[in-house]
Amino acid sequence: MFGDIKGMMGKLKEAQQKVEATKKRLDTVLVDENSADHKIKVTLTANRTIKSISIDDSLLSDSEALEDYLIITLNKAIDKASKINENEMALAAKSGMPNIPGMDMFK
């Protein structure tokens, strides 16, 4: 009985290590998003950290349009990065989870 618990604890620690390694790896996965007309380009990590924003000069004189472009493009980029992040984190957690009856949340 105690061996089972010890084995499960080891598996949980292994799962936690996989999740942490995945978080670190996702810092190196870059997600690019462009506005429809390519006047703005945003790059962020799959952990949703903005790395760069490139703005076409034509938008610099119209702050309202610039704000709209940034909001739309950033939200699309964050959504894309979030999907990658959630999928990768679920896979990392699932791969290291011990088989505990009734705990099938990752199936």
PDB file of N, CA and C in Angstrom:
ATOM      1  N   MET A   1       0.817  -1.191   0.000  1.00  0.00           N
ATOM      2  CA  MET A   1       0.000   0.000   0.000  1.00  0.00           C
ATOM      3  C   MET A   1       0.866   1.264   0.000  1.00  0.00           C
ATOM      4  N   PHE A   2       1.847   1.299   0.920  1.00  0.00           N
ATOM      5  CA  PHE A   2       2.698   2.481   0.968  1.00  0.00           C
ATOM      6  C   PHE A   2       3.556   2.604  -0.285  1.00  0.00           C
ATOM      7  N   GLY A   3       3.906   1.458  -0.861  1.00  0.00           N
ATOM      8  CA  GLY A   3       4.663   1.474  -2.113  1.00  0.00           C
ATOM      9  C   GLY A   3       3.858   2.120  -3.229  1.00  0.00           C
ATOM     10  N   ASP A   4       2.548   1.856  -3.244  1.00  0.00           N
ATOM     11  CA  ASP A   4       1.673   2.469  -4.250  1.00  0.00           C
ATOM     12  C   ASP A   4       1.636   3.982  -4.090  1.00  0.00           C
ATOM     13  N   ILE A   5       1.524   4.417  -2.837  1.00  0.00           N
ATOM     14  CA  ILE A   5       1.477   5.858  -2.563  1.00  0.00           C
ATOM     15  C   ILE A   5       2.807   6.503  -2.943  1.00  0.00           C
ATOM     16  N   LYS A   6       3.893   5.854  -2.589  1.00  0.00           N
ATOM     17  CA  LYS A   6       5.220   6.377  -2.922  1.00  0.00           C
ATOM     18  C   LYS A   6       5.393   6.452  -4.445  1.00  0.00           C
ATOM     19  N   GLY A   7       4.900   5.406  -5.133  1.00  0.00           N
ATOM     20  CA  GLY A   7       4.976   5.400  -6.590  1.00  0.00           C
ATOM     21  C   GLY A   7       4.146   6.522  -7.210  1.00  0.00           C
ATOM     22  N   MET A   8       2.964   6.756  -6.653  1.00  0.00           N
ATOM     23  CA  MET A   8       2.109   7.841  -7.151  1.00  0.00           C
ATOM     24  C   MET A   8       2.757   9.193  -6.910  1.00  0.00           C
ATOM     25  N   MET A   9       3.367   9.362  -5.738  1.00  0.00           N
ATOM     26  CA  MET A   9       4.029  10.634  -5.428  1.00  0.00           C
ATOM     27  C   MET A   9       5.190  10.881  -6.394  1.00  0.00           C
ATOM     28  N   GLY A  10       5.900   9.821  -6.714  1.00  0.00           N
ATOM     29  CA  GLY A  10       6.992   9.945  -7.690  1.00  0.00           C
ATOM     30  C   GLY A  10       6.461  10.329  -9.054  1.00  0.00           C
ATOM     31  N   LYS A  11       5.331   9.726  -9.439  1.00  0.00           N
ATOM     32  CA  LYS A  11       4.710  10.054 -10.733  1.00  0.00           C
ATOM     33  C   LYS A  11       4.235  11.505 -10.746  1.00  0.00           C
ATOM     34  N   LEU A  12       3.646  11.963  -9.639  1.00  0.00           N
ATOM     35  CA  LEU A  12       3.178  13.348  -9.564  1.00  0.00           C
ATOM     36  C   LEU A  12       4.351  14.321  -9.670  1.00  0.00           C
ATOM     37  N   LYS A  13       5.459  13.984  -9.013  1.00  0.00           N
ATOM     38  CA  LYS A  13       6.656  14.838  -9.092  1.00  0.00           C
ATOM     39  C   LYS A  13       7.179  14.859 -10.532  1.00  0.00           C
ATOM     40  N   GLU A  14       7.157  13.699 -11.170  1.00  0.00           N
ATOM     41  CA  GLU A  14       7.584  13.605 -12.566  1.00  0.00           C
ATOM     42  C   GLU A  14       6.669  14.441 -13.459  1.00  0.00           C
ATOM     43  N   ALA A  15       5.369  14.390 -13.201  1.00  0.00           N
ATOM     44  CA  ALA A  15       4.411  15.185 -13.985  1.00  0.00           C
ATOM     45  C   ALA A  15       4.692  16.671 -13.791  1.00  0.00           C
ATOM     46  N   GLN A  16       4.970  17.072 -12.544  1.00  0.00           N
ATOM     47  CA  GLN A  16       5.264  18.469 -12.253  1.00  0.00           C
ATOM     48  C   GLN A  16       6.534  18.917 -12.990  1.00  0.00           C
ATOM     49  N   GLN A  17       7.539  18.051 -13.025  1.00  0.00           N
ATOM     50  CA  GLN A  17       8.782  18.381 -13.732  1.00  0.00           C
ATOM     51  C   GLN A  17       8.520  18.527 -15.235  1.00  0.00           C
ATOM     52  N   LYS A  18       7.664  17.664 -15.792  1.00  0.00           N
ATOM     53  CA  LYS A  18       7.330  17.768 -17.215  1.00  0.00           C
ATOM     54  C   LYS A  18       6.603  19.070 -17.507  1.00  0.00           C
ATOM     55  N   VAL A  19       5.696  19.459 -16.610  1.00  0.00           N
ATOM     56  CA  VAL A  19       4.967  20.711 -16.786  1.00  0.00           C
ATOM     57  C   VAL A  19       5.940  21.890 -16.748  1.00  0.00           C
ATOM     58  N   GLU A  20       6.863  21.878 -15.793  1.00  0.00           N
ATOM     59  CA  GLU A  20       7.848  22.971 -15.689  1.00  0.00           C
ATOM     60  C   GLU A  20       8.750  23.025 -16.924  1.00  0.00           C
ATOM     61  N   ALA A  21       9.174  21.865 -17.408  1.00  0.00           N
ATOM     62  CA  ALA A  21      10.014  21.823 -18.610  1.00  0.00           C
ATOM     63  C   ALA A  21       9.235  22.342 -19.819  1.00  0.00           C
ATOM     64  N   THR A  22       7.953  22.010 -19.881  1.00  0.00           N
ATOM     65  CA  THR A  22       7.118  22.483 -20.987  1.00  0.00           C
ATOM     66  C   THR A  22       6.962  23.994 -20.922  1.00  0.00           C
ATOM     67  N   LYS A  23       6.768  24.547 -19.720  1.00  0.00           N
ATOM     68  CA  LYS A  23       6.666  26.008 -19.563  1.00  0.00           C
ATOM     69  C   LYS A  23       7.926  26.692 -20.094  1.00  0.00           C
ATOM     70  N   LYS A  24       9.089  26.140 -19.738  1.00  0.00           N
ATOM     71  CA  LYS A  24      10.354  26.721 -20.204  1.00  0.00           C
ATOM     72  C   LYS A  24      10.464  26.636 -21.722  1.00  0.00           C
ATOM     73  N   ARG A  25      10.078  25.480 -22.275  1.00  0.00           N
ATOM     74  CA  ARG A  25      10.141  25.303 -23.730  1.00  0.00           C
ATOM     75  C   ARG A  25       9.193  26.271 -24.440  1.00  0.00           C
ATOM     76  N   LEU A  26       8.022  26.516 -23.859  1.00  0.00           N
ATOM     77  CA  LEU A  26       7.052  27.408 -24.486  1.00  0.00           C
ATOM     78  C   LEU A  26       7.536  28.859 -24.521  1.00  0.00           C
ATOM     79  N   ASP A  27       8.512  29.187 -23.681  1.00  0.00           N
ATOM     80  CA  ASP A  27       9.126  30.516 -23.758  1.00  0.00           C
ATOM     81  C   ASP A  27       9.920  30.678 -25.052  1.00  0.00           C
ATOM     82  N   THR A  28      10.293  29.555 -25.680  1.00  0.00           N
ATOM     83  CA  THR A  28      11.080  29.617 -26.911  1.00  0.00           C
ATOM     84  C   THR A  28      10.212  29.447 -28.169  1.00  0.00           C
ATOM     85  N   VAL A  29       8.917  29.134 -27.969  1.00  0.00           N
ATOM     86  CA  VAL A  29       8.008  28.976 -29.105  1.00  0.00           C
ATOM     87  C   VAL A  29       7.416  30.352 -29.418  1.00  0.00           C
ATOM     88  N   LEU A  30       7.719  30.861 -30.622  1.00  0.00           N
ATOM     89  CA  LEU A  30       7.245  32.186 -30.997  1.00  0.00           C
ATOM     90  C   LEU A  30       6.001  32.091 -31.870  1.00  0.00           C
ATOM     91  N   VAL A  31       5.052  32.977 -31.587  1.00  0.00           N
ATOM     92  CA  VAL A  31       3.796  33.048 -32.320  1.00  0.00           C
ATOM     93  C   VAL A  31       3.738  34.408 -32.999  1.00  0.00           C
ATOM     94  N   ASP A  32       3.566  34.407 -34.317  1.00  0.00           N
ATOM     95  CA  ASP A  32       3.444  35.649 -35.080  1.00  0.00           C
ATOM     96  C   ASP A  32       1.999  35.862 -35.478  1.00  0.00           C
ATOM     97  N   GLU A  33       1.561  37.103 -35.426  1.00  0.00           N
ATOM     98  CA  GLU A  33       0.218  37.445 -35.897  1.00  0.00           C
ATOM     99  C   GLU A  33       0.309  38.784 -36.618  1.00  0.00           C
ATOM    100  N   ASN A  34      -0.354  38.864 -37.758  1.00  0.00           N
ATOM    101  CA  ASN A  34      -0.387  40.097 -38.542  1.00  0.00           C
ATOM    102  C   ASN A  34      -1.810  40.613 -38.619  1.00  0.00           C
ATOM    103  N   SER A  35      -1.937  41.940 -38.759  1.00  0.00           N
ATOM    104  CA  SER A  35      -3.255  42.491 -39.065  1.00  0.00           C
ATOM    105  C   SER A  35      -3.600  42.055 -40.487  1.00  0.00           C
ATOM    106  N   ALA A  36      -4.862  42.159 -40.844  1.00  0.00           N
ATOM    107  CA  ALA A  36      -5.314  41.676 -42.159  1.00  0.00           C
ATOM    108  C   ALA A  36      -4.524  42.301 -43.302  1.00  0.00           C
ATOM    109  N   ASP A  37      -4.169  43.569 -43.165  1.00  0.00           N
ATOM    110  CA  ASP A  37      -3.437  44.259 -44.237  1.00  0.00           C
ATOM    111  C   ASP A  37      -1.930  44.331 -43.963  1.00  0.00           C
ATOM    112  N   HIS A  38      -1.470  43.604 -42.970  1.00  0.00           N
ATOM    113  CA  HIS A  38      -0.046  43.505 -42.605  1.00  0.00           C
ATOM    114  C   HIS A  38       0.565  44.837 -42.151  1.00  0.00           C
ATOM    115  N   LYS A  39      -0.259  45.734 -41.617  1.00  0.00           N
ATOM    116  CA  LYS A  39       0.286  46.999 -41.114  1.00  0.00           C
ATOM    117  C   LYS A  39       0.826  46.859 -39.693  1.00  0.00           C
ATOM    118  N   ILE A  40       0.413  45.810 -39.021  1.00  0.00           N
ATOM    119  CA  ILE A  40       0.939  45.524 -37.682  1.00  0.00           C
ATOM    120  C   ILE A  40       1.320  44.060 -37.613  1.00  0.00           C
ATOM    121  N   LYS A  41       2.484  43.791 -37.019  1.00  0.00           N
ATOM    122  CA  LYS A  41       2.911  42.417 -36.771  1.00  0.00           C
ATOM    123  C   LYS A  41       3.290  42.306 -35.300  1.00  0.00           C
ATOM    124  N   VAL A  42       2.761  41.290 -34.652  1.00  0.00           N
ATOM    125  CA  VAL A  42       3.021  41.052 -33.241  1.00  0.00           C
ATOM    126  C   VAL A  42       3.672  39.680 -33.105  1.00  0.00           C
ATOM    127  N   THR A  43       4.703  39.605 -32.276  1.00  0.00           N
ATOM    128  CA  THR A  43       5.334  38.324 -31.969  1.00  0.00           C
ATOM    129  C   THR A  43       5.323  38.154 -30.459  1.00  0.00           C
ATOM    130  N   LEU A  44       4.834  36.987 -30.002  1.00  0.00           N
ATOM    131  CA  LEU A  44       4.872  36.679 -28.593  1.00  0.00           C
ATOM    132  C   LEU A  44       5.211  35.215 -28.400  1.00  0.00           C
ATOM    133  N   THR A  45       5.555  34.874 -27.166  1.00  0.00           N
ATOM    134  CA  THR A  45       5.873  33.479 -26.867  1.00  0.00           C
ATOM    135  C   THR A  45       4.571  32.720 -26.637  1.00  0.00           C
ATOM    136  N   ALA A  46       4.654  31.398 -26.649  1.00  0.00           N
ATOM    137  CA  ALA A  46       3.480  30.582 -26.357  1.00  0.00           C
ATOM    138  C   ALA A  46       3.075  30.715 -24.888  1.00  0.00           C
ATOM    139  N   ASN A  47       3.928  31.344 -24.067  1.00  0.00           N
ATOM    140  CA  ASN A  47       3.557  31.681 -22.693  1.00  0.00           C
ATOM    141  C   ASN A  47       2.953  33.079 -22.612  1.00  0.00           C
ATOM    142  N   ARG A  48       2.653  33.662 -23.768  1.00  0.00           N
ATOM    143  CA  ARG A  48       1.939  34.937 -23.893  1.00  0.00           C
ATOM    144  C   ARG A  48       2.745  36.142 -23.388  1.00  0.00           C
ATOM    145  N   THR A  49       4.041  36.117 -23.648  1.00  0.00           N
ATOM    146  CA  THR A  49       4.892  37.270 -23.381  1.00  0.00           C
ATOM    147  C   THR A  49       5.191  37.942 -24.717  1.00  0.00           C
ATOM    148  N   ILE A  50       4.862  39.237 -24.819  1.00  0.00           N
ATOM    149  CA  ILE A  50       5.086  39.964 -26.067  1.00  0.00           C
ATOM    150  C   ILE A  50       6.574  40.154 -26.276  1.00  0.00           C
ATOM    151  N   LYS A  51       7.059  39.775 -27.464  1.00  0.00           N
ATOM    152  CA  LYS A  51       8.474  39.913 -27.805  1.00  0.00           C
ATOM    153  C   LYS A  51       8.714  41.114 -28.707  1.00  0.00           C
ATOM    154  N   SER A  52       7.783  41.358 -29.645  1.00  0.00           N
ATOM    155  CA  SER A  52       7.963  42.513 -30.526  1.00  0.00           C
ATOM    156  C   SER A  52       6.629  42.929 -31.139  1.00  0.00           C
ATOM    157  N   ILE A  53       6.572  44.221 -31.475  1.00  0.00           N
ATOM    158  CA  ILE A  53       5.430  44.785 -32.191  1.00  0.00           C
ATOM    159  C   ILE A  53       6.009  45.661 -33.287  1.00  0.00           C
ATOM    160  N   SER A  54       5.608  45.379 -34.509  1.00  0.00           N
ATOM    161  CA  SER A  54       6.062  46.163 -35.661  1.00  0.00           C
ATOM    162  C   SER A  54       4.859  46.931 -36.211  1.00  0.00           C
ATOM    163  N   ILE A  55       5.010  48.251 -36.362  1.00  0.00           N
ATOM    164  CA  ILE A  55       3.896  49.106 -36.787  1.00  0.00           C
ATOM    165  C   ILE A  55       4.275  49.846 -38.058  1.00  0.00           C
ATOM    166  N   ASP A  56       3.413  49.753 -39.068  1.00  0.00           N
ATOM    167  CA  ASP A  56       3.608  50.479 -40.316  1.00  0.00           C
ATOM    168  C   ASP A  56       3.510  51.980 -40.035  1.00  0.00           C
ATOM    169  N   ASP A  57       4.380  52.766 -40.647  1.00  0.00           N
ATOM    170  CA  ASP A  57       4.406  54.216 -40.428  1.00  0.00           C
ATOM    171  C   ASP A  57       3.069  54.890 -40.716  1.00  0.00           C
ATOM    172  N   SER A  58       2.283  54.337 -41.626  1.00  0.00           N
ATOM    173  CA  SER A  58       1.006  54.961 -41.991  1.00  0.00           C
ATOM    174  C   SER A  58       0.027  55.010 -40.815  1.00  0.00           C
ATOM    175  N   LEU A  59       0.228  54.184 -39.814  1.00  0.00           N
ATOM    176  CA  LEU A  59      -0.675  54.169 -38.655  1.00  0.00           C
ATOM    177  C   LEU A  59      -0.247  55.153 -37.561  1.00  0.00           C
ATOM    178  N   LEU A  60       0.964  55.673 -37.655  1.00  0.00           N
ATOM    179  CA  LEU A  60       1.486  56.512 -36.587  1.00  0.00           C
ATOM    180  C   LEU A  60       0.774  57.859 -36.472  1.00  0.00           C
ATOM    181  N   SER A  61       0.139  58.309 -37.526  1.00  0.00           N
ATOM    182  CA  SER A  61      -0.544  59.606 -37.482  1.00  0.00           C
ATOM    183  C   SER A  61      -2.002  59.473 -37.052  1.00  0.00           C
ATOM    184  N   ASP A  62      -2.497  58.264 -36.884  1.00  0.00           N
ATOM    185  CA  ASP A  62      -3.901  58.045 -36.515  1.00  0.00           C
ATOM    186  C   ASP A  62      -3.956  57.157 -35.276  1.00  0.00           C
ATOM    187  N   SER A  63      -3.939  57.788 -34.104  1.00  0.00           N
ATOM    188  CA  SER A  63      -3.849  57.015 -32.858  1.00  0.00           C
ATOM    189  C   SER A  63      -5.068  56.120 -32.642  1.00  0.00           C
ATOM    190  N   GLU A  64      -6.237  56.541 -33.080  1.00  0.00           N
ATOM    191  CA  GLU A  64      -7.429  55.715 -32.909  1.00  0.00           C
ATOM    192  C   GLU A  64      -7.339  54.429 -33.735  1.00  0.00           C
ATOM    193  N   ALA A  65      -6.918  54.573 -34.991  1.00  0.00           N
ATOM    194  CA  ALA A  65      -6.755  53.395 -35.850  1.00  0.00           C
ATOM    195  C   ALA A  65      -5.653  52.495 -35.291  1.00  0.00           C
ATOM    196  N   LEU A  66      -4.560  53.100 -34.821  1.00  0.00           N
ATOM    197  CA  LEU A  66      -3.449  52.331 -34.253  1.00  0.00           C
ATOM    198  C   LEU A  66      -3.925  51.505 -33.055  1.00  0.00           C
ATOM    199  N   GLU A  67      -4.707  52.116 -32.165  1.00  0.00           N
ATOM    200  CA  GLU A  67      -5.234  51.395 -31.007  1.00  0.00           C
ATOM    201  C   GLU A  67      -6.104  50.222 -31.453  1.00  0.00           C
ATOM    202  N   ASP A  68      -6.986  50.467 -32.427  1.00  0.00           N
ATOM    203  CA  ASP A  68      -7.865  49.398 -32.924  1.00  0.00           C
ATOM    204  C   ASP A  68      -7.044  48.244 -33.504  1.00  0.00           C
ATOM    205  N   TYR A  69      -6.061  48.581 -34.315  1.00  0.00           N
ATOM    206  CA  TYR A  69      -5.192  47.557 -34.927  1.00  0.00           C
ATOM    207  C   TYR A  69      -4.474  46.749 -33.848  1.00  0.00           C
ATOM    208  N   LEU A  70      -3.926  47.455 -32.856  1.00  0.00           N
ATOM    209  CA  LEU A  70      -3.191  46.770 -31.790  1.00  0.00           C
ATOM    210  C   LEU A  70      -4.097  45.838 -30.995  1.00  0.00           C
ATOM    211  N   ILE A  71      -5.263  46.312 -30.637  1.00  0.00           N
ATOM    212  CA  ILE A  71      -6.186  45.492 -29.842  1.00  0.00           C
ATOM    213  C   ILE A  71      -6.571  44.231 -30.605  1.00  0.00           C
ATOM    214  N   ILE A  72      -6.969  44.382 -31.847  1.00  0.00           N
ATOM    215  CA  ILE A  72      -7.398  43.233 -32.654  1.00  0.00           C
ATOM    216  C   ILE A  72      -6.249  42.250 -32.854  1.00  0.00           C
ATOM    217  N   THR A  73      -5.094  42.762 -33.261  1.00  0.00           N
ATOM    218  CA  THR A  73      -3.962  41.894 -33.569  1.00  0.00           C
ATOM    219  C   THR A  73      -3.405  41.225 -32.314  1.00  0.00           C
ATOM    220  N   LEU A  74      -3.292  41.968 -31.213  1.00  0.00           N
ATOM    221  CA  LEU A  74      -2.805  41.386 -29.962  1.00  0.00           C
ATOM    222  C   LEU A  74      -3.762  40.314 -29.447  1.00  0.00           C
ATOM    223  N   ASN A  75      -5.062  40.575 -29.518  1.00  0.00           N
ATOM    224  CA  ASN A  75      -6.025  39.577 -29.053  1.00  0.00           C
ATOM    225  C   ASN A  75      -5.957  38.300 -29.886  1.00  0.00           C
ATOM    226  N   LYS A  76      -5.786  38.447 -31.191  1.00  0.00           N
ATOM    227  CA  LYS A  76      -5.653  37.257 -32.042  1.00  0.00           C
ATOM    228  C   LYS A  76      -4.381  36.486 -31.698  1.00  0.00           C
ATOM    229  N   ALA A  77      -3.288  37.209 -31.465  1.00  0.00           N
ATOM    230  CA  ALA A  77      -2.017  36.565 -31.128  1.00  0.00           C
ATOM    231  C   ALA A  77      -2.104  35.866 -29.776  1.00  0.00           C
ATOM    232  N   ILE A  78      -2.714  36.513 -28.797  1.00  0.00           N
ATOM    233  CA  ILE A  78      -2.856  35.920 -27.465  1.00  0.00           C
ATOM    234  C   ILE A  78      -3.721  34.671 -27.533  1.00  0.00           C
ATOM    235  N   ASP A  79      -4.790  34.728 -28.331  1.00  0.00           N
ATOM    236  CA  ASP A  79      -5.665  33.568 -28.489  1.00  0.00           C
ATOM    237  C   ASP A  79      -4.893  32.395 -29.098  1.00  0.00           C
ATOM    238  N   LYS A  80      -4.116  32.678 -30.134  1.00  0.00           N
ATOM    239  CA  LYS A  80      -3.321  31.628 -30.794  1.00  0.00           C
ATOM    240  C   LYS A  80      -2.299  31.043 -29.817  1.00  0.00           C
ATOM    241  N   ALA A  81      -1.598  31.904 -29.079  1.00  0.00           N
ATOM    242  CA  ALA A  81      -0.596  31.450 -28.111  1.00  0.00           C
ATOM    243  C   ALA A  81      -1.249  30.659 -26.982  1.00  0.00           C
ATOM    244  N   SER A  82      -2.415  31.086 -26.547  1.00  0.00           N
ATOM    245  CA  SER A  82      -3.118  30.391 -25.464  1.00  0.00           C
ATOM    246  C   SER A  82      -3.504  28.977 -25.877  1.00  0.00           C
ATOM    247  N   LYS A  83      -3.957  28.806 -27.110  1.00  0.00           N
ATOM    248  CA  LYS A  83      -4.326  27.475 -27.590  1.00  0.00           C
ATOM    249  C   LYS A  83      -3.109  26.547 -27.604  1.00  0.00           C
ATOM    250  N   ILE A  84      -1.986  27.056 -28.086  1.00  0.00           N
ATOM    251  CA  ILE A  84      -0.748  26.266 -28.094  1.00  0.00           C
ATOM    252  C   ILE A  84      -0.363  25.911 -26.660  1.00  0.00           C
ATOM    253  N   ASN A  85      -0.396  26.916 -25.784  1.00  0.00           N
ATOM    254  CA  ASN A  85      -0.014  26.722 -24.385  1.00  0.00           C
ATOM    255  C   ASN A  85      -0.901  25.678 -23.716  1.00  0.00           C
ATOM    256  N   GLU A  86      -2.202  25.817 -23.857  1.00  0.00           N
ATOM    257  CA  GLU A  86      -3.130  24.886 -23.202  1.00  0.00           C
ATOM    258  C   GLU A  86      -2.936  23.460 -23.707  1.00  0.00           C
ATOM    259  N   ASN A  87      -2.770  23.293 -25.007  1.00  0.00           N
ATOM    260  CA  ASN A  87      -2.563  21.954 -25.561  1.00  0.00           C
ATOM    261  C   ASN A  87      -1.269  21.329 -25.036  1.00  0.00           C
ATOM    262  N   GLU A  88      -0.189  22.095 -25.066  1.00  0.00           N
ATOM    263  CA  GLU A  88       1.109  21.573 -24.621  1.00  0.00           C
ATOM    264  C   GLU A  88       1.111  21.258 -23.125  1.00  0.00           C
ATOM    265  N   MET A  89       0.502  22.128 -22.330  1.00  0.00           N
ATOM    266  CA  MET A  89       0.474  21.901 -20.886  1.00  0.00           C
ATOM    267  C   MET A  89      -0.398  20.683 -20.546  1.00  0.00           C
ATOM    268  N   ALA A  90      -1.512  20.506 -21.240  1.00  0.00           N
ATOM    269  CA  ALA A  90      -2.373  19.345 -20.993  1.00  0.00           C
ATOM    270  C   ALA A  90      -1.633  18.051 -21.348  1.00  0.00           C
ATOM    271  N   LEU A  91      -0.901  18.086 -22.467  1.00  0.00           N
ATOM    272  CA  LEU A  91      -0.129  16.899 -22.849  1.00  0.00           C
ATOM    273  C   LEU A  91       0.953  16.587 -21.823  1.00  0.00           C
ATOM    274  N   ALA A  92       1.636  17.614 -21.341  1.00  0.00           N
ATOM    275  CA  ALA A  92       2.698  17.408 -20.348  1.00  0.00           C
ATOM    276  C   ALA A  92       2.122  16.850 -19.053  1.00  0.00           C
ATOM    277  N   ALA A  93       1.002  17.402 -18.623  1.00  0.00           N
ATOM    278  CA  ALA A  93       0.392  16.940 -17.377  1.00  0.00           C
ATOM    279  C   ALA A  93      -0.129  15.513 -17.535  1.00  0.00           C
ATOM    280  N   LYS A  94      -0.768  15.227 -18.655  1.00  0.00           N
ATOM    281  CA  LYS A  94      -1.353  13.907 -18.881  1.00  0.00           C
ATOM    282  C   LYS A  94      -0.268  12.832 -18.956  1.00  0.00           C
ATOM    283  N   SER A  95       0.838  13.152 -19.606  1.00  0.00           N
ATOM    284  CA  SER A  95       1.883  12.142 -19.804  1.00  0.00           C
ATOM    285  C   SER A  95       2.529  11.712 -18.497  1.00  0.00           C
ATOM    286  N   GLY A  96       2.484  12.560 -17.490  1.00  0.00           N
ATOM    287  CA  GLY A  96       3.145  12.197 -16.241  1.00  0.00           C
ATOM    288  C   GLY A  96       2.206  11.818 -15.120  1.00  0.00           C
ATOM    289  N   MET A  97       0.902  11.864 -15.372  1.00  0.00           N
ATOM    290  CA  MET A  97      -0.056  11.564 -14.310  1.00  0.00           C
ATOM    291  C   MET A  97      -0.126  10.071 -14.025  1.00  0.00           C
ATOM    292  N   PRO A  98      -0.146   9.734 -12.750  1.00  0.00           N
ATOM    293  CA  PRO A  98      -0.337   8.322 -12.403  1.00  0.00           C
ATOM    294  C   PRO A  98      -1.776   7.912 -12.704  1.00  0.00           C
ATOM    295  N   ASN A  99      -2.006   6.656 -12.874  1.00  0.00           N
ATOM    296  CA  ASN A  99      -3.343   6.146 -13.152  1.00  0.00           C
ATOM    297  C   ASN A  99      -4.086   5.975 -11.829  1.00  0.00           C
ATOM    298  N   ILE A 100      -4.843   7.008 -11.436  1.00  0.00           N
ATOM    299  CA  ILE A 100      -5.589   6.986 -10.178  1.00  0.00           C
ATOM    300  C   ILE A 100      -7.065   6.795 -10.537  1.00  0.00           C
ATOM    301  N   PRO A 101      -7.694   5.743 -10.051  1.00  0.00           N
ATOM    302  CA  PRO A 101      -9.102   5.521 -10.365  1.00  0.00           C
ATOM    303  C   PRO A 101      -9.960   6.728  -9.986  1.00  0.00           C
ATOM    304  N   GLY A 102     -10.834   7.122 -10.914  1.00  0.00           N
ATOM    305  CA  GLY A 102     -11.709   8.267 -10.673  1.00  0.00           C
ATOM    306  C   GLY A 102     -11.084   9.603 -11.015  1.00  0.00           C
ATOM    307  N   MET A 103      -9.811   9.620 -11.337  1.00  0.00           N
ATOM    308  CA  MET A 103      -9.102  10.873 -11.664  1.00  0.00           C
ATOM    309  C   MET A 103      -8.745  10.863 -13.149  1.00  0.00           C
ATOM    310  N   ASP A 104      -9.768  10.893 -13.989  1.00  0.00           N
ATOM    311  CA  ASP A 104      -9.514  10.812 -15.424  1.00  0.00           C
ATOM    312  C   ASP A 104      -9.809  12.146 -16.111  1.00  0.00           C
ATOM    313  N   MET A 105      -9.426  13.241 -15.466  1.00  0.00           N
ATOM    314  CA  MET A 105      -9.731  14.557 -16.022  1.00  0.00           C
ATOM    315  C   MET A 105      -8.978  14.875 -17.297  1.00  0.00           C
ATOM    316  N   PHE A 106      -7.941  14.142 -17.621  1.00  0.00           N
ATOM    317  CA  PHE A 106      -7.163  14.435 -18.819  1.00  0.00           C
ATOM    318  C   PHE A 106      -7.484  13.506 -19.978  1.00  0.00           C
ATOM    319  N   LYS A 107      -8.528  12.719 -19.858  1.00  0.00           N
ATOM    320  CA  LYS A 107      -8.885  11.781 -20.941  1.00  0.00           C
ATOM    321  C   LYS A 107      -9.761  12.439 -21.954  1.00  0.00           C
TER     322      LYS A 107
END
